[in-house]
Amino acid sequence: MVYLFLADGFEEVEAITPIDVLRRAGVEIKTVSINEKTLTIKGAHNIEVLADITLDECDVSDTEMIILPGGALGTENLKNCERVRDIILSCNERGIYIAAICAAPTILAEMSLITGLRATCYPSLVSKMIENGVKYKNDKVVCDKHFITSMGAGTAGEFAFTLVDKLKTKKESDNLRLSMVY
């Protein structure tokens, strides 16, 4: 199971692209609303999305990966959610894949989880990464240990296919790229 966390202000492209690509690849993925008692989440561009489950229903004991989409407000809301931080820590301790795009890698940096590791993020946030000891790389997607980071909405496709690469075989990933004309 893969969980993608949604907070008000999330960047829609950075959430929907991985959801779509992973589902096409046959990966079981659920979206998680961090809003108390509601599945409805409003994106950065006022697109409302209905999440699959609430945070209270999220059980990461058997997860293969968690995904944190960006968006300035969405990232701030994820960072300020204690339960999300606890889930990130739990996944990190178990070596579970943690994927973050745009502003969301700064959550991992500020939690000191990617200190000394290679990672990327939205270009205007590079200083936050460096301040927290991250080896910033100006690449669309960067993988180091069990962390996968990406730059932003324009790199969401490459990010999504990298997630498929991690969860499925290379052949399955390549076939999906071909079928989607990527």
Protein backbone atom coordinates (compact mmCIF):
# COMPACT_ATOMS: atom_id res chain seq x y z
CA MET A 1 0.00 0.00 0.00
CA VAL A 2 1.10 3.53 -0.81
CA TYR A 3 -0.32 6.58 0.96
CA LEU A 4 -0.32 10.10 -0.48
CA PHE A 5 -1.09 12.80 2.08
CA LEU A 6 -3.32 15.72 1.11
CA ALA A 7 -3.47 19.00 3.00
CA ASP A 8 -5.34 22.15 2.04
CA GLY A 9 -3.14 24.12 -0.36
CA PHE A 10 -1.49 21.07 -1.96
CA GLU A 11 -0.16 21.46 -5.51
CA GLU A 12 -2.66 19.53 -7.62
CA VAL A 13 -0.30 18.39 -10.40
CA GLU A 14 2.19 17.05 -7.85
CA ALA A 15 -0.51 14.90 -6.23
CA ILE A 16 -2.69 13.79 -9.13
CA THR A 17 0.17 12.82 -11.46
CA PRO A 18 1.71 10.24 -9.07
CA ILE A 19 -1.75 8.93 -8.15
CA ASP A 20 -2.65 8.41 -11.82
CA VAL A 21 0.68 6.89 -12.87
CA LEU A 22 0.89 4.56 -9.85
CA ARG A 23 -2.67 3.33 -10.35
CA ARG A 24 -1.95 2.68 -14.04
CA ALA A 25 1.04 0.63 -12.87
CA GLY A 26 -1.23 -1.47 -10.66
CA VAL A 27 0.06 -0.02 -7.39
CA GLU A 28 -2.51 0.20 -4.61
CA ILE A 29 -2.49 3.83 -3.49
CA LYS A 30 -4.80 5.69 -1.16
CA THR A 31 -5.08 9.42 -0.67
CA VAL A 32 -5.22 10.59 2.93
CA SER A 33 -6.98 13.76 4.07
CA ILE A 34 -5.21 15.39 6.99
CA ASN A 35 -8.31 17.52 7.63
CA GLU A 36 -10.18 16.32 10.69
CA LYS A 37 -13.42 14.50 9.88
CA THR A 38 -13.59 15.46 6.21
CA LEU A 39 -12.33 13.83 3.06
CA THR A 40 -12.54 17.07 1.06
CA ILE A 41 -9.26 18.88 0.44
CA LYS A 42 -8.84 22.12 -1.50
CA GLY A 43 -5.73 22.44 -3.65
CA ALA A 44 -3.56 25.48 -4.24
CA HIS A 45 -5.61 26.37 -7.33
CA ASN A 46 -9.01 25.85 -5.68
CA ILE A 47 -9.53 22.36 -7.11
CA GLU A 48 -11.36 20.26 -4.54
CA VAL A 49 -10.40 16.62 -4.21
CA LEU A 50 -12.15 13.87 -2.27
CA ALA A 51 -9.54 11.77 -0.43
CA ASP A 52 -9.94 8.02 0.00
CA ILE A 53 -9.48 8.00 3.78
CA THR A 54 -8.93 10.29 6.75
CA LEU A 55 -5.71 10.46 8.71
CA ASP A 56 -7.36 8.51 11.55
CA GLU A 57 -7.99 5.63 9.13
CA CYS A 58 -4.39 5.57 7.88
CA ASP A 59 -2.42 2.51 9.02
CA VAL A 60 1.14 2.61 7.74
CA SER A 61 2.17 -0.68 9.35
CA ASP A 62 2.17 -2.37 5.93
CA THR A 63 2.99 0.56 3.66
CA GLU A 64 5.62 0.44 0.93
CA MET A 65 5.81 4.20 0.44
CA ILE A 66 4.41 7.53 1.56
CA ILE A 67 4.18 10.55 -0.73
CA LEU A 68 4.18 14.22 0.26
CA PRO A 69 3.06 16.60 -2.51
CA GLY A 70 4.16 20.21 -2.37
CA GLY A 71 2.50 23.56 -2.64
CA ALA A 72 3.55 26.26 -0.18
CA LEU A 73 0.43 26.15 2.01
CA GLY A 74 0.01 22.39 1.61
CA THR A 75 3.58 21.79 2.75
CA GLU A 76 3.13 24.09 5.74
CA ASN A 77 -0.06 22.23 6.70
CA LEU A 78 1.66 18.84 6.38
CA LYS A 79 4.62 20.06 8.44
CA ASN A 80 2.34 21.38 11.19
CA CYS A 81 0.43 18.09 11.49
CA GLU A 82 1.90 16.06 14.36
CA ARG A 83 0.41 12.78 13.11
CA VAL A 84 1.99 13.26 9.67
CA ARG A 85 5.37 13.94 11.29
CA ASP A 86 4.97 10.79 13.41
CA ILE A 87 4.17 8.74 10.30
CA ILE A 88 7.23 10.17 8.52
CA LEU A 89 9.43 9.23 11.49
CA SER A 90 7.95 5.73 11.68
CA CYS A 91 8.51 5.14 7.97
CA ASN A 92 12.04 6.49 8.19
CA GLU A 93 12.90 4.17 11.10
CA ARG A 94 11.74 1.19 9.03
CA GLY A 95 13.44 2.27 5.80
CA ILE A 96 10.12 2.72 4.00
CA TYR A 97 10.25 4.86 0.86
CA ILE A 98 9.46 8.51 1.56
CA ALA A 99 8.79 10.58 -1.56
CA ALA A 100 8.46 14.37 -1.50
CA ILE A 101 8.15 16.96 -4.25
CA CYS A 102 8.45 20.76 -4.56
CA ALA A 103 8.39 22.36 -1.10
CA ALA A 104 7.72 19.07 0.73
CA PRO A 105 11.39 17.93 0.82
CA THR A 106 11.99 20.84 3.21
CA ILE A 107 9.87 18.97 5.77
CA LEU A 108 12.35 16.10 5.63
CA ALA A 109 15.27 18.54 5.81
CA GLU A 110 13.84 20.40 8.81
CA MET A 111 13.24 17.05 10.56
CA SER A 112 16.96 16.27 9.94
CA LEU A 113 16.04 13.08 8.07
CA ILE A 114 18.00 13.89 4.92
CA THR A 115 20.98 15.62 6.52
CA GLY A 116 24.08 14.51 4.63
CA LEU A 117 22.00 12.97 1.83
CA ARG A 118 21.49 14.10 -1.75
CA ALA A 119 18.08 15.68 -2.45
CA THR A 120 16.32 18.30 -4.52
CA CYS A 121 13.39 20.68 -4.03
CA TYR A 122 11.69 23.73 -5.51
CA PRO A 123 14.49 26.11 -6.59
CA SER A 124 13.57 29.02 -4.31
CA LEU A 125 13.85 26.73 -1.26
CA VAL A 126 17.40 25.49 -1.83
CA SER A 127 18.75 27.55 1.08
CA LYS A 128 16.45 25.70 3.52
CA MET A 129 17.90 22.42 2.32
CA ILE A 130 21.51 23.57 2.57
CA GLU A 131 20.94 25.14 6.02
CA ASN A 132 19.83 21.70 7.19
CA GLY A 133 22.90 19.91 5.84
CA VAL A 134 21.34 18.46 2.70
CA LYS A 135 23.59 17.87 -0.32
CA TYR A 136 21.38 19.76 -2.76
CA LYS A 137 21.33 18.51 -6.36
CA ASN A 138 19.85 20.57 -9.19
CA ASP A 139 18.17 17.52 -10.74
CA LYS A 140 14.52 16.80 -11.57
CA VAL A 141 14.44 13.76 -9.30
CA VAL A 142 17.00 12.62 -6.74
CA CYS A 143 17.06 9.26 -4.94
CA ASP A 144 19.23 8.64 -1.90
CA LYS A 145 18.67 5.71 0.44
CA HIS A 146 14.88 5.41 0.85
CA PHE A 147 14.17 9.05 -0.01
CA ILE A 148 12.91 10.26 -3.40
CA THR A 149 12.73 14.02 -3.95
CA SER A 150 11.70 16.14 -6.91
CA MET A 151 11.64 19.82 -7.90
CA GLY A 152 8.02 20.73 -8.64
CA ALA A 153 4.95 20.56 -10.84
CA GLY A 154 7.00 20.46 -14.04
CA THR A 155 8.88 17.38 -12.82
CA ALA A 156 5.81 15.50 -11.55
CA GLY A 157 5.84 13.07 -14.48
CA GLU A 158 9.47 12.07 -13.96
CA PHE A 159 8.81 11.88 -10.21
CA ALA A 160 5.82 9.57 -10.73
CA PHE A 161 7.72 7.21 -13.03
CA THR A 162 10.62 7.10 -10.56
CA LEU A 163 8.13 5.95 -7.92
CA VAL A 164 6.97 3.20 -10.29
CA ASP A 165 10.63 2.24 -10.84
CA LYS A 166 10.99 1.73 -7.08
CA LEU A 167 7.78 -0.27 -6.59
CA LYS A 168 7.60 -2.36 -9.78
CA THR A 169 10.05 -3.96 -12.17
CA LYS A 170 12.02 -1.90 -14.68
CA LYS A 171 10.22 -3.72 -17.51
CA GLU A 172 6.79 -2.81 -16.09
CA SER A 173 7.88 0.79 -15.67
CA ASP A 174 9.29 0.98 -19.21
CA ASN A 175 6.11 -0.53 -20.67
CA LEU A 176 4.00 2.02 -18.82
CA ARG A 177 6.16 4.88 -20.10
CA LEU A 178 5.64 3.61 -23.65
CA SER A 179 1.88 3.21 -23.25
CA MET A 180 1.61 6.75 -21.86
CA VAL A 181 3.90 8.15 -24.59
CA TYR A 182 6.31 9.45 -21.98
